[in-house]
Amino acid sequence: MGGYVPFSRITAILFKMVLKVWAYSGLVLVFCFLLYYMYGGIFAVLLLFFAVTGILYQVQDNLLYSPELPSHSRVYVPIPSMFNLPYESVTTRSLDGTQIHMYFIHQPEQRQRNAPTIIFFHGNAGNMGHRLQNCAGLYHNLHCNILLVEYRGYGLSEGSPSEEGLYMDAKASIDYLSSRKDINHSEIIIFGRSLGGAVAIDLAVREEYTNKIWCLVVENTFTSIPDMAKVLLGWRMLQYFPLFFYKNKFLSYHKVKRIRTPTLFISGMADTLVPPRMMSELHNRCSSIRKQLLQVPNGTHNETWQVQGYYHSLAVFFQSCRLKNIQKYDIKTDNEKMQDAGSMWNNVHTI
């Protein structure tokens, strides 16, 4: 049966609905007023807490990563030839497709195939070009190849930095080396300074890469970002924050227990940014049967490599690792073993 609904009836229905909504709204407003009257202070503190933690969560990337410090670091990257280092400018893609920029600094052709290769993970500021003076020291004193990695969002690499992103970039770098036919794949050294140390530790504990890494070297790195937040901010309340409040965690303190690779921990005792005790804690928790803690008395956070004896200590550690491998696989006299182990570092005592 068809027909029209009388206008008066529609008006009555609408009026009842308005009254009903108004009644419920009134009850809700009264309830909220009473709740605020009784517990307003608590709610205000909770709202402030969530607002502050929410802001800190969102700005954590800006506090941790400084790819534009110093200025122009995103557009100008010094090249190795400025330090008379032969190199290739390399781009590779990370697992998520982000294009990563790297320098492959190589020894002369006759030495390149047998020399160790260092994958260098730098700190949180600037770009990889700012580490070239240090790389020149590694190149000339240790006679090694160097793959200098520029994280996503740094220098000429694409994307924006993040914890998982940096881990992907580290994997992309060692995958790139695996594709080369002109290097010694049995002596790949992972090196990380400061933030790069956390990246290096993460790479070293991944099962698919453990057998590809000969040695691990970490320098002036931290136990975790939550631990560093407590040190830098000095807020006692941070110890009560659960981990999910931290956007970037870099939990090296837990990961280092799974390391089986020979590892050298280099700690600048004059480091005023990362407390040297953190390096001692990482060394103590490391599960590698071949580990060493090198404490450099005058070493600062970024300049420990400038202290006399730095390259000598690295060479001695690598020399001992090579000798250990020779003893494990070769049947030779002790003199022959020592000669092989030290052939690339003949002048180790002068470094």
C-alpha atoms as a PDB file:
ATOM      1  CA  MET A   1       0.000   0.000   0.000  1.00  0.00           C
ATOM      2  CA  GLY A   2       1.516   3.337  -1.016  1.00  0.00           C
ATOM      3  CA  GLY A   3       1.008   6.914   0.028  1.00  0.00           C
ATOM      4  CA  TYR A   4       2.764   9.870   1.614  1.00  0.00           C
ATOM      5  CA  VAL A   5       3.797  10.174   5.288  1.00  0.00           C
ATOM      6  CA  PRO A   6       2.087  13.223   6.801  1.00  0.00           C
ATOM      7  CA  PHE A   7       4.429  16.141   7.451  1.00  0.00           C
ATOM      8  CA  SER A   8       3.211  16.441  11.017  1.00  0.00           C
ATOM      9  CA  ARG A   9       4.287  12.883  11.722  1.00  0.00           C
ATOM     10  CA  ILE A  10       7.802  13.500  10.344  1.00  0.00           C
ATOM     11  CA  THR A  11       8.070  16.617  12.501  1.00  0.00           C
ATOM     12  CA  ALA A  12       7.024  14.680  15.600  1.00  0.00           C
ATOM     13  CA  ILE A  13       9.611  11.942  14.945  1.00  0.00           C
ATOM     14  CA  LEU A  14      12.382  14.472  14.458  1.00  0.00           C
ATOM     15  CA  PHE A  15      11.385  16.331  17.626  1.00  0.00           C
ATOM     16  CA  LYS A  16      11.514  13.101  19.665  1.00  0.00           C
ATOM     17  CA  MET A  17      14.921  12.270  18.263  1.00  0.00           C
ATOM     18  CA  VAL A  18      16.264  15.719  19.202  1.00  0.00           C
ATOM     19  CA  LEU A  19      14.910  15.371  22.719  1.00  0.00           C
ATOM     20  CA  LYS A  20      16.438  11.929  23.053  1.00  0.00           C
ATOM     21  CA  VAL A  21      19.855  13.045  21.827  1.00  0.00           C
ATOM     22  CA  TRP A  22      19.704  16.137  23.992  1.00  0.00           C
ATOM     23  CA  ALA A  23      18.845  14.039  27.047  1.00  0.00           C
ATOM     24  CA  TYR A  24      21.731  11.648  26.460  1.00  0.00           C
ATOM     25  CA  SER A  25      24.097  14.513  25.717  1.00  0.00           C
ATOM     26  CA  GLY A  26      23.072  16.198  28.923  1.00  0.00           C
ATOM     27  CA  LEU A  27      23.748  13.057  30.929  1.00  0.00           C
ATOM     28  CA  VAL A  28      27.172  12.654  29.317  1.00  0.00           C
ATOM     29  CA  LEU A  29      28.068  16.287  30.041  1.00  0.00           C
ATOM     30  CA  VAL A  30      27.000  15.947  33.669  1.00  0.00           C
ATOM     31  CA  PHE A  31      29.047  12.742  33.997  1.00  0.00           C
ATOM     32  CA  CYS A  32      32.136  14.387  32.462  1.00  0.00           C
ATOM     33  CA  PHE A  33      31.745  17.410  34.735  1.00  0.00           C
ATOM     34  CA  LEU A  34      31.545  15.242  37.859  1.00  0.00           C
ATOM     35  CA  LEU A  35      34.487  13.104  36.690  1.00  0.00           C
ATOM     36  CA  TYR A  36      36.618  16.155  36.030  1.00  0.00           C
ATOM     37  CA  TYR A  37      35.562  17.727  39.338  1.00  0.00           C
ATOM     38  CA  MET A  38      36.698  14.637  41.252  1.00  0.00           C
ATOM     39  CA  TYR A  39      39.684  13.505  39.189  1.00  0.00           C
ATOM     40  CA  GLY A  40      40.557  16.501  37.053  1.00  0.00           C
ATOM     41  CA  GLY A  41      44.125  16.792  38.294  1.00  0.00           C
ATOM     42  CA  ILE A  42      44.883  13.172  37.500  1.00  0.00           C
ATOM     43  CA  PHE A  43      43.437  13.473  34.002  1.00  0.00           C
ATOM     44  CA  ALA A  44      45.359  16.670  33.375  1.00  0.00           C
ATOM     45  CA  VAL A  45      48.651  14.986  34.369  1.00  0.00           C
ATOM     46  CA  LEU A  46      47.876  11.952  32.209  1.00  0.00           C
ATOM     47  CA  LEU A  47      47.017  14.117  29.228  1.00  0.00           C
ATOM     48  CA  LEU A  48      50.228  16.097  29.692  1.00  0.00           C
ATOM     49  CA  PHE A  49      52.251  12.882  30.008  1.00  0.00           C
ATOM     50  CA  PHE A  50      50.846  11.409  26.800  1.00  0.00           C
ATOM     51  CA  ALA A  51      51.261  14.704  24.974  1.00  0.00           C
ATOM     52  CA  VAL A  52      54.929  15.041  25.987  1.00  0.00           C
ATOM     53  CA  THR A  53      55.799  11.398  25.263  1.00  0.00           C
ATOM     54  CA  GLY A  54      53.963  11.604  21.941  1.00  0.00           C
ATOM     55  CA  ILE A  55      55.971  14.655  20.917  1.00  0.00           C
ATOM     56  CA  LEU A  56      59.249  13.051  22.043  1.00  0.00           C
ATOM     57  CA  TYR A  57      58.395   9.884  20.120  1.00  0.00           C
ATOM     58  CA  GLN A  58      57.875  11.833  16.914  1.00  0.00           C
ATOM     59  CA  VAL A  59      61.016  13.974  17.235  1.00  0.00           C
ATOM     60  CA  GLN A  60      63.350  11.119  18.210  1.00  0.00           C
ATOM     61  CA  ASP A  61      64.616  10.781  14.646  1.00  0.00           C
ATOM     62  CA  ASN A  62      65.620  14.453  14.631  1.00  0.00           C
ATOM     63  CA  LEU A  63      67.404  14.068  17.963  1.00  0.00           C
ATOM     64  CA  LEU A  64      69.320  10.942  16.924  1.00  0.00           C
ATOM     65  CA  TYR A  65      70.116  11.433  13.247  1.00  0.00           C
ATOM     66  CA  SER A  66      72.004  14.545  12.095  1.00  0.00           C
ATOM     67  CA  PRO A  67      72.666  14.108   8.356  1.00  0.00           C
ATOM     68  CA  GLU A  68      72.730  17.885   7.795  1.00  0.00           C
ATOM     69  CA  LEU A  69      75.349  18.615  10.440  1.00  0.00           C
ATOM     70  CA  PRO A  70      77.561  20.315   9.346  1.00  0.00           C
ATOM     71  CA  SER A  71      75.579  22.268   6.776  1.00  0.00           C
ATOM     72  CA  HIS A  72      75.584  21.128   3.135  1.00  0.00           C
ATOM     73  CA  SER A  73      76.348  17.545   4.201  1.00  0.00           C
ATOM     74  CA  ARG A  74      73.418  16.361   2.093  1.00  0.00           C
ATOM     75  CA  VAL A  75      74.717  17.923  -1.106  1.00  0.00           C
ATOM     76  CA  TYR A  76      78.499  17.861  -0.811  1.00  0.00           C
ATOM     77  CA  VAL A  77      80.372  14.641  -0.038  1.00  0.00           C
ATOM     78  CA  PRO A  78      84.212  14.833  -0.121  1.00  0.00           C
ATOM     79  CA  ILE A  79      85.748  12.253  -2.455  1.00  0.00           C
ATOM     80  CA  PRO A  80      88.607   9.841  -1.601  1.00  0.00           C
ATOM     81  CA  SER A  81      90.877  11.237  -4.326  1.00  0.00           C
ATOM     82  CA  MET A  82      91.229  14.348  -2.149  1.00  0.00           C
ATOM     83  CA  PHE A  83      93.360  12.086   0.084  1.00  0.00           C
ATOM     84  CA  ASN A  84      95.012  10.300  -2.852  1.00  0.00           C
ATOM     85  CA  LEU A  85      92.931   7.186  -2.302  1.00  0.00           C
ATOM     86  CA  PRO A  86      91.942   5.112  -5.376  1.00  0.00           C
ATOM     87  CA  TYR A  87      88.207   4.453  -5.268  1.00  0.00           C
ATOM     88  CA  GLU A  88      84.968   3.571  -7.010  1.00  0.00           C
ATOM     89  CA  SER A  89      81.757   5.496  -6.358  1.00  0.00           C
ATOM     90  CA  VAL A  90      79.129   2.802  -5.887  1.00  0.00           C
ATOM     91  CA  THR A  91      75.343   2.793  -5.623  1.00  0.00           C
ATOM     92  CA  THR A  92      73.340  -0.213  -4.531  1.00  0.00           C
ATOM     93  CA  ARG A  93      69.752  -0.797  -3.514  1.00  0.00           C
ATOM     94  CA  SER A  94      68.700  -1.784  -0.035  1.00  0.00           C
ATOM     95  CA  LEU A  95      66.080  -4.475   0.574  1.00  0.00           C
ATOM     96  CA  ASP A  96      63.240  -1.941   0.372  1.00  0.00           C
ATOM     97  CA  GLY A  97      64.542  -0.421  -2.861  1.00  0.00           C
ATOM     98  CA  THR A  98      66.237   2.626  -1.307  1.00  0.00           C
ATOM     99  CA  GLN A  99      69.345   3.612  -3.254  1.00  0.00           C
ATOM    100  CA  ILE A 100      72.475   3.728  -1.091  1.00  0.00           C
ATOM    101  CA  HIS A 101      75.684   5.559  -1.963  1.00  0.00           C
ATOM    102  CA  MET A 102      79.071   4.029  -1.034  1.00  0.00           C
ATOM    103  CA  TYR A 103      82.788   4.429  -1.733  1.00  0.00           C
ATOM    104  CA  PHE A 104      84.871   1.341  -2.426  1.00  0.00           C
ATOM    105  CA  ILE A 105      88.470   2.338  -1.653  1.00  0.00           C
ATOM    106  CA  HIS A 106      90.763  -0.342  -3.005  1.00  0.00           C
ATOM    107  CA  GLN A 107      94.399  -1.314  -2.726  1.00  0.00           C
ATOM    108  CA  PRO A 108      96.576  -1.583  -5.881  1.00  0.00           C
ATOM    109  CA  GLU A 109      95.411  -4.398  -8.144  1.00  0.00           C
ATOM    110  CA  GLN A 110      98.146  -6.848  -7.146  1.00  0.00           C
ATOM    111  CA  ARG A 111      97.229  -6.447  -3.454  1.00  0.00           C
ATOM    112  CA  GLN A 112      93.471  -5.879  -3.675  1.00  0.00           C
ATOM    113  CA  ARG A 113      92.498  -9.544  -4.097  1.00  0.00           C
ATOM    114  CA  ASN A 114      94.351 -10.709  -0.972  1.00  0.00           C
ATOM    115  CA  ALA A 115      93.879  -7.701   1.310  1.00  0.00           C
ATOM    116  CA  PRO A 116      91.258  -7.646   4.085  1.00  0.00           C
ATOM    117  CA  THR A 117      88.229  -5.454   3.379  1.00  0.00           C
ATOM    118  CA  ILE A 118      86.726  -3.193   6.044  1.00  0.00           C
ATOM    119  CA  ILE A 119      83.054  -2.209   5.889  1.00  0.00           C
ATOM    120  CA  PHE A 120      82.980   1.166   7.642  1.00  0.00           C
ATOM    121  CA  PHE A 121      79.762   2.295   9.398  1.00  0.00           C
ATOM    122  CA  HIS A 122      80.040   5.924  10.514  1.00  0.00           C
ATOM    123  CA  GLY A 123      78.364   7.883  13.309  1.00  0.00           C
ATOM    124  CA  ASN A 124      75.121   9.845  13.416  1.00  0.00           C
ATOM    125  CA  ALA A 125      76.272  13.169  11.928  1.00  0.00           C
ATOM    126  CA  GLY A 126      77.640  14.360   8.590  1.00  0.00           C
ATOM    127  CA  ASN A 127      78.367  11.983   5.729  1.00  0.00           C
ATOM    128  CA  MET A 128      80.913   9.324   4.872  1.00  0.00           C
ATOM    129  CA  GLY A 129      83.221  11.855   3.231  1.00  0.00           C
ATOM    130  CA  HIS A 130      83.944  13.334   6.658  1.00  0.00           C
ATOM    131  CA  ARG A 131      85.637  10.041   7.631  1.00  0.00           C
ATOM    132  CA  LEU A 132      88.128   9.958   4.768  1.00  0.00           C
ATOM    133  CA  GLN A 133      91.121  11.089   6.820  1.00  0.00           C
ATOM    134  CA  ASN A 134      90.560   8.151   9.148  1.00  0.00           C
ATOM    135  CA  CYS A 135      90.128   5.868   6.129  1.00  0.00           C
ATOM    136  CA  ALA A 136      93.449   7.082   4.740  1.00  0.00           C
ATOM    137  CA  GLY A 137      95.101   5.919   7.963  1.00  0.00           C
ATOM    138  CA  LEU A 138      93.418   2.519   7.731  1.00  0.00           C
ATOM    139  CA  TYR A 139      94.345   2.222   4.069  1.00  0.00           C
ATOM    140  CA  HIS A 140      98.047   3.011   4.428  1.00  0.00           C
ATOM    141  CA  ASN A 141      98.728   1.423   7.815  1.00  0.00           C
ATOM    142  CA  LEU A 142      96.657  -1.753   7.510  1.00  0.00           C
ATOM    143  CA  HIS A 143      96.884  -2.181   3.716  1.00  0.00           C
ATOM    144  CA  CYS A 144      93.195  -2.962   3.447  1.00  0.00           C
ATOM    145  CA  ASN A 145      90.309  -2.217   1.111  1.00  0.00           C
ATOM    146  CA  ILE A 146      87.515  -0.106   2.600  1.00  0.00           C
ATOM    147  CA  LEU A 147      83.808  -0.015   1.762  1.00  0.00           C
ATOM    148  CA  LEU A 148      82.565   3.260   3.188  1.00  0.00           C
ATOM    149  CA  VAL A 149      78.772   3.154   3.633  1.00  0.00           C
ATOM    150  CA  GLU A 150      76.466   6.165   3.569  1.00  0.00           C
ATOM    151  CA  TYR A 151      73.182   5.419   5.339  1.00  0.00           C
ATOM    152  CA  ARG A 152      69.820   6.275   3.839  1.00  0.00           C
ATOM    153  CA  GLY A 153      69.024   9.949   4.347  1.00  0.00           C
ATOM    154  CA  TYR A 154      72.733  10.802   4.575  1.00  0.00           C
ATOM    155  CA  GLY A 155      74.898  12.433   1.911  1.00  0.00           C
ATOM    156  CA  LEU A 156      73.812  11.337  -1.567  1.00  0.00           C
ATOM    157  CA  SER A 157      71.800   8.314  -0.432  1.00  0.00           C
ATOM    158  CA  GLU A 158      68.033   8.319  -0.844  1.00  0.00           C
ATOM    159  CA  GLY A 159      65.366   8.021   1.841  1.00  0.00           C
ATOM    160  CA  SER A 160      65.183   8.961   5.503  1.00  0.00           C
ATOM    161  CA  PRO A 161      67.126   7.341   8.358  1.00  0.00           C
ATOM    162  CA  SER A 162      65.476   4.880  10.729  1.00  0.00           C
ATOM    163  CA  GLU A 163      66.684   1.986  12.842  1.00  0.00           C
ATOM    164  CA  GLU A 164      65.350  -0.737  10.565  1.00  0.00           C
ATOM    165  CA  GLY A 165      66.468   1.249   7.539  1.00  0.00           C
ATOM    166  CA  LEU A 166      70.074   1.395   8.740  1.00  0.00           C
ATOM    167  CA  TYR A 167      70.016  -2.346   9.389  1.00  0.00           C
ATOM    168  CA  MET A 168      68.850  -2.918   5.812  1.00  0.00           C
ATOM    169  CA  ASP A 169      71.609  -0.655   4.493  1.00  0.00           C
ATOM    170  CA  ALA A 170      74.207  -2.673   6.422  1.00  0.00           C
ATOM    171  CA  LYS A 171      72.937  -5.895   4.884  1.00  0.00           C
ATOM    172  CA  ALA A 172      72.963  -4.299   1.435  1.00  0.00           C
ATOM    173  CA  SER A 173      76.620  -3.332   1.888  1.00  0.00           C
ATOM    174  CA  ILE A 174      77.820  -6.838   2.724  1.00  0.00           C
ATOM    175  CA  ASP A 175      75.642  -8.278  -0.045  1.00  0.00           C
ATOM    176  CA  TYR A 176      77.377  -5.904  -2.444  1.00  0.00           C
ATOM    177  CA  LEU A 177      80.805  -7.135  -1.335  1.00  0.00           C
ATOM    178  CA  SER A 178      79.646 -10.715  -1.786  1.00  0.00           C
ATOM    179  CA  SER A 179      78.923  -9.939  -5.431  1.00  0.00           C
ATOM    180  CA  ARG A 180      82.483  -8.758  -6.134  1.00  0.00           C
ATOM    181  CA  LYS A 181      84.992 -11.253  -7.528  1.00  0.00           C
ATOM    182  CA  ASP A 182      88.092  -9.156  -6.885  1.00  0.00           C
ATOM    183  CA  ILE A 183      88.360  -9.253  -3.082  1.00  0.00           C
ATOM    184  CA  ASN A 184      89.255 -11.734  -0.358  1.00  0.00           C
ATOM    185  CA  HIS A 185      85.878 -12.905   0.965  1.00  0.00           C
ATOM    186  CA  SER A 186      87.455 -14.799   3.858  1.00  0.00           C
ATOM    187  CA  GLU A 187      88.639 -11.574   5.545  1.00  0.00           C
ATOM    188  CA  ILE A 188      85.714  -9.174   5.762  1.00  0.00           C
ATOM    189  CA  ILE A 189      85.983  -6.822   8.753  1.00  0.00           C
ATOM    190  CA  ILE A 190      82.951  -4.964  10.079  1.00  0.00           C
ATOM    191  CA  PHE A 191      83.828  -1.640  11.699  1.00  0.00           C
ATOM    192  CA  GLY A 192      81.395   0.715  13.436  1.00  0.00           C
ATOM    193  CA  ARG A 193      81.925   3.900  15.394  1.00  0.00           C
ATOM    194  CA  SER A 194      79.292   5.367  17.762  1.00  0.00           C
ATOM    195  CA  LEU A 195      75.923   4.807  16.044  1.00  0.00           C
ATOM    196  CA  GLY A 196      77.770   2.725  13.468  1.00  0.00           C
ATOM    197  CA  GLY A 197      78.830   0.372  16.258  1.00  0.00           C
ATOM    198  CA  ALA A 198      75.191  -0.482  16.943  1.00  0.00           C
ATOM    199  CA  VAL A 199      74.641  -1.090  13.221  1.00  0.00           C
ATOM    200  CA  ALA A 200      77.749  -3.315  13.071  1.00  0.00           C
ATOM    201  CA  ILE A 201      76.682  -5.359  16.110  1.00  0.00           C
ATOM    202  CA  ASP A 202      73.242  -5.977  14.616  1.00  0.00           C
ATOM    203  CA  LEU A 203      74.802  -7.202  11.379  1.00  0.00           C
ATOM    204  CA  ALA A 204      77.256  -9.447  13.216  1.00  0.00           C
ATOM    205  CA  VAL A 205      74.530 -11.357  15.084  1.00  0.00           C
ATOM    206  CA  ARG A 206      72.389 -12.118  12.030  1.00  0.00           C
ATOM    207  CA  GLU A 207      72.770 -15.809  11.231  1.00  0.00           C
ATOM    208  CA  GLU A 208      72.819 -15.342   7.463  1.00  0.00           C
ATOM    209  CA  TYR A 209      75.847 -13.011   7.726  1.00  0.00           C
ATOM    210  CA  THR A 210      77.840 -14.402  10.651  1.00  0.00           C
ATOM    211  CA  ASN A 211      79.911 -16.731   8.467  1.00  0.00           C
ATOM    212  CA  LYS A 212      80.735 -13.887   6.073  1.00  0.00           C
ATOM    213  CA  ILE A 213      82.361 -11.759   8.780  1.00  0.00           C
ATOM    214  CA  TRP A 214      85.972 -12.373   9.803  1.00  0.00           C
ATOM    215  CA  CYS A 215      86.292  -9.749  12.567  1.00  0.00           C
ATOM    216  CA  LEU A 216      84.141  -7.124  14.251  1.00  0.00           C
ATOM    217  CA  VAL A 217      85.499  -3.806  15.542  1.00  0.00           C
ATOM    218  CA  VAL A 218      83.294  -1.352  17.456  1.00  0.00           C
ATOM    219  CA  GLU A 219      84.499   1.984  18.751  1.00  0.00           C
ATOM    220  CA  ASN A 220      82.903   4.327  21.313  1.00  0.00           C
ATOM    221  CA  THR A 221      79.450   2.881  20.886  1.00  0.00           C
ATOM    222  CA  PHE A 222      76.594   2.678  23.379  1.00  0.00           C
ATOM    223  CA  THR A 223      74.662  -0.104  25.074  1.00  0.00           C
ATOM    224  CA  SER A 224      71.263   1.144  23.837  1.00  0.00           C
ATOM    225  CA  ILE A 225      69.383   4.319  22.966  1.00  0.00           C
ATOM    226  CA  PRO A 226      67.237   4.126  26.148  1.00  0.00           C
ATOM    227  CA  ASP A 227      70.472   4.024  28.181  1.00  0.00           C
ATOM    228  CA  MET A 228      71.861   7.007  26.249  1.00  0.00           C
ATOM    229  CA  ALA A 229      68.629   8.952  26.778  1.00  0.00           C
ATOM    230  CA  LYS A 230      69.069   8.601  30.537  1.00  0.00           C
ATOM    231  CA  VAL A 231      72.665   9.821  30.275  1.00  0.00           C
ATOM    232  CA  LEU A 232      72.021  12.784  27.974  1.00  0.00           C
ATOM    233  CA  LEU A 233      68.699  14.007  29.366  1.00  0.00           C
ATOM    234  CA  GLY A 234      69.284  13.139  33.002  1.00  0.00           C
ATOM    235  CA  TRP A 235      65.587  12.568  33.670  1.00  0.00           C
ATOM    236  CA  ARG A 236      65.139  10.051  36.451  1.00  0.00           C
ATOM    237  CA  MET A 237      61.622   9.285  35.237  1.00  0.00           C
ATOM    238  CA  LEU A 238      63.031   7.795  31.995  1.00  0.00           C
ATOM    239  CA  GLN A 239      63.959   4.610  33.848  1.00  0.00           C
ATOM    240  CA  TYR A 240      60.234   3.903  34.186  1.00  0.00           C
ATOM    241  CA  PHE A 241      59.483   4.296  30.476  1.00  0.00           C
ATOM    242  CA  PRO A 242      58.749   0.983  28.713  1.00  0.00           C
ATOM    243  CA  LEU A 243      60.673   0.206  25.526  1.00  0.00           C
ATOM    244  CA  PHE A 244      57.746   0.943  23.215  1.00  0.00           C
ATOM    245  CA  PHE A 245      58.107   4.643  24.072  1.00  0.00           C
ATOM    246  CA  TYR A 246      61.377   4.633  22.136  1.00  0.00           C
ATOM    247  CA  LYS A 247      61.096   4.854  18.369  1.00  0.00           C
ATOM    248  CA  ASN A 248      64.780   3.917  17.960  1.00  0.00           C
ATOM    249  CA  LYS A 249      66.183   1.359  20.381  1.00  0.00           C
ATOM    250  CA  PHE A 250      69.477  -0.097  19.036  1.00  0.00           C
ATOM    251  CA  LEU A 251      69.611  -2.683  21.827  1.00  0.00           C
ATOM    252  CA  SER A 252      73.274  -3.646  21.486  1.00  0.00           C
ATOM    253  CA  TYR A 253      73.356  -4.591  25.176  1.00  0.00           C
ATOM    254  CA  HIS A 254      71.152  -7.601  24.433  1.00  0.00           C
ATOM    255  CA  LYS A 255      72.465  -8.448  20.963  1.00  0.00           C
ATOM    256  CA  VAL A 256      76.136  -8.575  21.946  1.00  0.00           C
ATOM    257  CA  LYS A 257      75.463 -11.744  23.948  1.00  0.00           C
ATOM    258  CA  ARG A 258      74.924 -13.564  20.643  1.00  0.00           C
ATOM    259  CA  ILE A 259      78.206 -12.506  19.025  1.00  0.00           C
ATOM    260  CA  ARG A 260      80.546 -15.368  18.115  1.00  0.00           C
ATOM    261  CA  THR A 261      82.856 -13.391  15.803  1.00  0.00           C
ATOM    262  CA  PRO A 262      86.303 -12.225  17.026  1.00  0.00           C
ATOM    263  CA  THR A 263      85.597  -8.745  18.364  1.00  0.00           C
ATOM    264  CA  LEU A 264      87.706  -5.730  19.302  1.00  0.00           C
ATOM    265  CA  PHE A 265      86.096  -3.082  21.519  1.00  0.00           C
ATOM    266  CA  ILE A 266      87.889   0.292  21.292  1.00  0.00           C
ATOM    267  CA  SER A 267      87.015   2.697  24.103  1.00  0.00           C
ATOM    268  CA  GLY A 268      88.239   6.281  24.264  1.00  0.00           C
ATOM    269  CA  MET A 269      88.549   6.958  27.965  1.00  0.00           C
ATOM    270  CA  ALA A 270      88.161  10.719  27.384  1.00  0.00           C
ATOM    271  CA  ASP A 271      84.832  10.224  25.585  1.00  0.00           C
ATOM    272  CA  THR A 272      82.409  12.784  27.032  1.00  0.00           C
ATOM    273  CA  LEU A 273      79.424  11.699  24.917  1.00  0.00           C
ATOM    274  CA  VAL A 274      79.218   7.922  25.337  1.00  0.00           C
ATOM    275  CA  PRO A 275      80.348   6.870  28.832  1.00  0.00           C
ATOM    276  CA  PRO A 276      83.345   4.493  28.546  1.00  0.00           C
ATOM    277  CA  ARG A 277      81.636   2.166  31.019  1.00  0.00           C
ATOM    278  CA  MET A 278      79.190   1.247  28.238  1.00  0.00           C
ATOM    279  CA  MET A 279      82.016  -0.166  26.168  1.00  0.00           C
ATOM    280  CA  SER A 280      83.181  -2.188  29.179  1.00  0.00           C
ATOM    281  CA  GLU A 281      79.664  -3.539  29.630  1.00  0.00           C
ATOM    282  CA  LEU A 282      79.437  -4.562  25.978  1.00  0.00           C
ATOM    283  CA  HIS A 283      82.826  -6.297  26.204  1.00  0.00           C
ATOM    284  CA  ASN A 284      81.835  -8.161  29.362  1.00  0.00           C
ATOM    285  CA  ARG A 285      78.563  -9.376  27.845  1.00  0.00           C
ATOM    286  CA  CYS A 286      80.072 -10.382  24.503  1.00  0.00           C
ATOM    287  CA  SER A 287      80.007 -14.156  24.030  1.00  0.00           C
ATOM    288  CA  SER A 288      82.884 -14.376  21.560  1.00  0.00           C
ATOM    289  CA  ILE A 289      85.743 -16.577  22.770  1.00  0.00           C
ATOM    290  CA  ARG A 290      88.123 -14.148  21.070  1.00  0.00           C
ATOM    291  CA  LYS A 291      87.419 -10.647  22.306  1.00  0.00           C
ATOM    292  CA  GLN A 292      89.519  -7.726  23.469  1.00  0.00           C
ATOM    293  CA  LEU A 293      88.821  -4.383  25.157  1.00  0.00           C
ATOM    294  CA  LEU A 294      91.254  -1.675  24.082  1.00  0.00           C
ATOM    295  CA  GLN A 295      91.042   1.368  26.381  1.00  0.00           C
ATOM    296  CA  VAL A 296      92.703   4.460  24.886  1.00  0.00           C
ATOM    297  CA  PRO A 297      93.529   6.915  27.717  1.00  0.00           C
ATOM    298  CA  ASN A 298      93.308  10.148  25.682  1.00  0.00           C
ATOM    299  CA  GLY A 299      90.755   8.984  23.147  1.00  0.00           C
ATOM    300  CA  THR A 300      87.729  11.243  22.660  1.00  0.00           C
ATOM    301  CA  HIS A 301      84.434  10.263  21.049  1.00  0.00           C
ATOM    302  CA  ASN A 302      85.300  11.164  17.463  1.00  0.00           C
ATOM    303  CA  GLU A 303      89.092  11.420  17.592  1.00  0.00           C
ATOM    304  CA  THR A 304      90.268   8.203  19.254  1.00  0.00           C
ATOM    305  CA  TRP A 305      91.740   7.162  15.907  1.00  0.00           C
ATOM    306  CA  GLN A 306      94.167  10.106  16.102  1.00  0.00           C
ATOM    307  CA  VAL A 307      95.894   8.786  19.246  1.00  0.00           C
ATOM    308  CA  GLN A 308      99.332   7.295  18.698  1.00  0.00           C
ATOM    309  CA  GLY A 309      99.296   3.508  18.629  1.00  0.00           C
ATOM    310  CA  TYR A 310      95.699   3.248  17.349  1.00  0.00           C
ATOM    311  CA  TYR A 311      96.533   1.538  14.048  1.00  0.00           C
ATOM    312  CA  HIS A 312      99.183  -0.571  15.763  1.00  0.00           C
ATOM    313  CA  SER A 313      96.515  -2.004  18.080  1.00  0.00           C
ATOM    314  CA  LEU A 314      94.207  -2.805  15.177  1.00  0.00           C
ATOM    315  CA  ALA A 315      97.017  -4.493  13.280  1.00  0.00           C
ATOM    316  CA  VAL A 316      98.007  -6.621  16.266  1.00  0.00           C
ATOM    317  CA  PHE A 317      94.412  -7.777  16.731  1.00  0.00           C
ATOM    318  CA  PHE A 318      94.004  -8.690  13.047  1.00  0.00           C
ATOM    319  CA  GLN A 319      97.404 -10.348  13.080  1.00  0.00           C
ATOM    320  CA  SER A 320      96.373 -12.540  16.013  1.00  0.00           C
ATOM    321  CA  CYS A 321      93.114 -13.487  14.276  1.00  0.00           C
ATOM    322  CA  ARG A 322      94.956 -14.427  11.099  1.00  0.00           C
ATOM    323  CA  LEU A 323      97.496 -16.481  13.053  1.00  0.00           C
ATOM    324  CA  LYS A 324      94.640 -18.291  14.770  1.00  0.00           C
ATOM    325  CA  ASN A 325      93.145 -19.181  11.386  1.00  0.00           C
ATOM    326  CA  ILE A 326      96.497 -20.409  10.087  1.00  0.00           C
ATOM    327  CA  GLN A 327      96.960 -22.604  13.152  1.00  0.00           C
ATOM    328  CA  LYS A 328      93.482 -24.000  12.647  1.00  0.00           C
ATOM    329  CA  TYR A 329      93.759 -24.921   8.978  1.00  0.00           C
ATOM    330  CA  ASP A 330      97.430 -25.139   7.989  1.00  0.00           C
ATOM    331  CA  ILE A 331     100.233 -27.534   8.914  1.00  0.00           C
ATOM    332  CA  LYS A 332     103.331 -25.322   9.002  1.00  0.00           C
ATOM    333  CA  THR A 333     106.220 -24.505  11.278  1.00  0.00           C
ATOM    334  CA  ASP A 334     105.771 -21.723  13.818  1.00  0.00           C
ATOM    335  CA  ASN A 335     108.127 -19.462  11.874  1.00  0.00           C
ATOM    336  CA  GLU A 336     106.137 -19.937   8.677  1.00  0.00           C
ATOM    337  CA  LYS A 337     102.910 -19.204  10.506  1.00  0.00           C
ATOM    338  CA  MET A 338     104.236 -15.992  11.947  1.00  0.00           C
ATOM    339  CA  GLN A 339     105.582 -14.931   8.569  1.00  0.00           C
ATOM    340  CA  ASP A 340     102.219 -15.503   6.871  1.00  0.00           C
ATOM    341  CA  ALA A 341     100.260 -13.806   9.628  1.00  0.00           C
ATOM    342  CA  GLY A 342     102.422 -10.721   9.593  1.00  0.00           C
ATOM    343  CA  SER A 343     103.087 -10.443   5.877  1.00  0.00           C
ATOM    344  CA  MET A 344     100.579  -7.637   5.398  1.00  0.00           C
ATOM    345  CA  TRP A 345     101.592  -5.796   8.553  1.00  0.00           C
ATOM    346  CA  ASN A 346     105.363  -6.034   8.428  1.00  0.00           C
ATOM    347  CA  ASN A 347     105.745  -2.620  10.029  1.00  0.00           C
ATOM    348  CA  VAL A 348     103.115  -3.084  12.705  1.00  0.00           C
ATOM    349  CA  HIS A 349     105.553  -1.979  15.384  1.00  0.00           C
ATOM    350  CA  THR A 350     106.000   1.412  13.702  1.00  0.00           C
ATOM    351  CA  ILE A 351     102.323   2.299  13.309  1.00  0.00           C
END
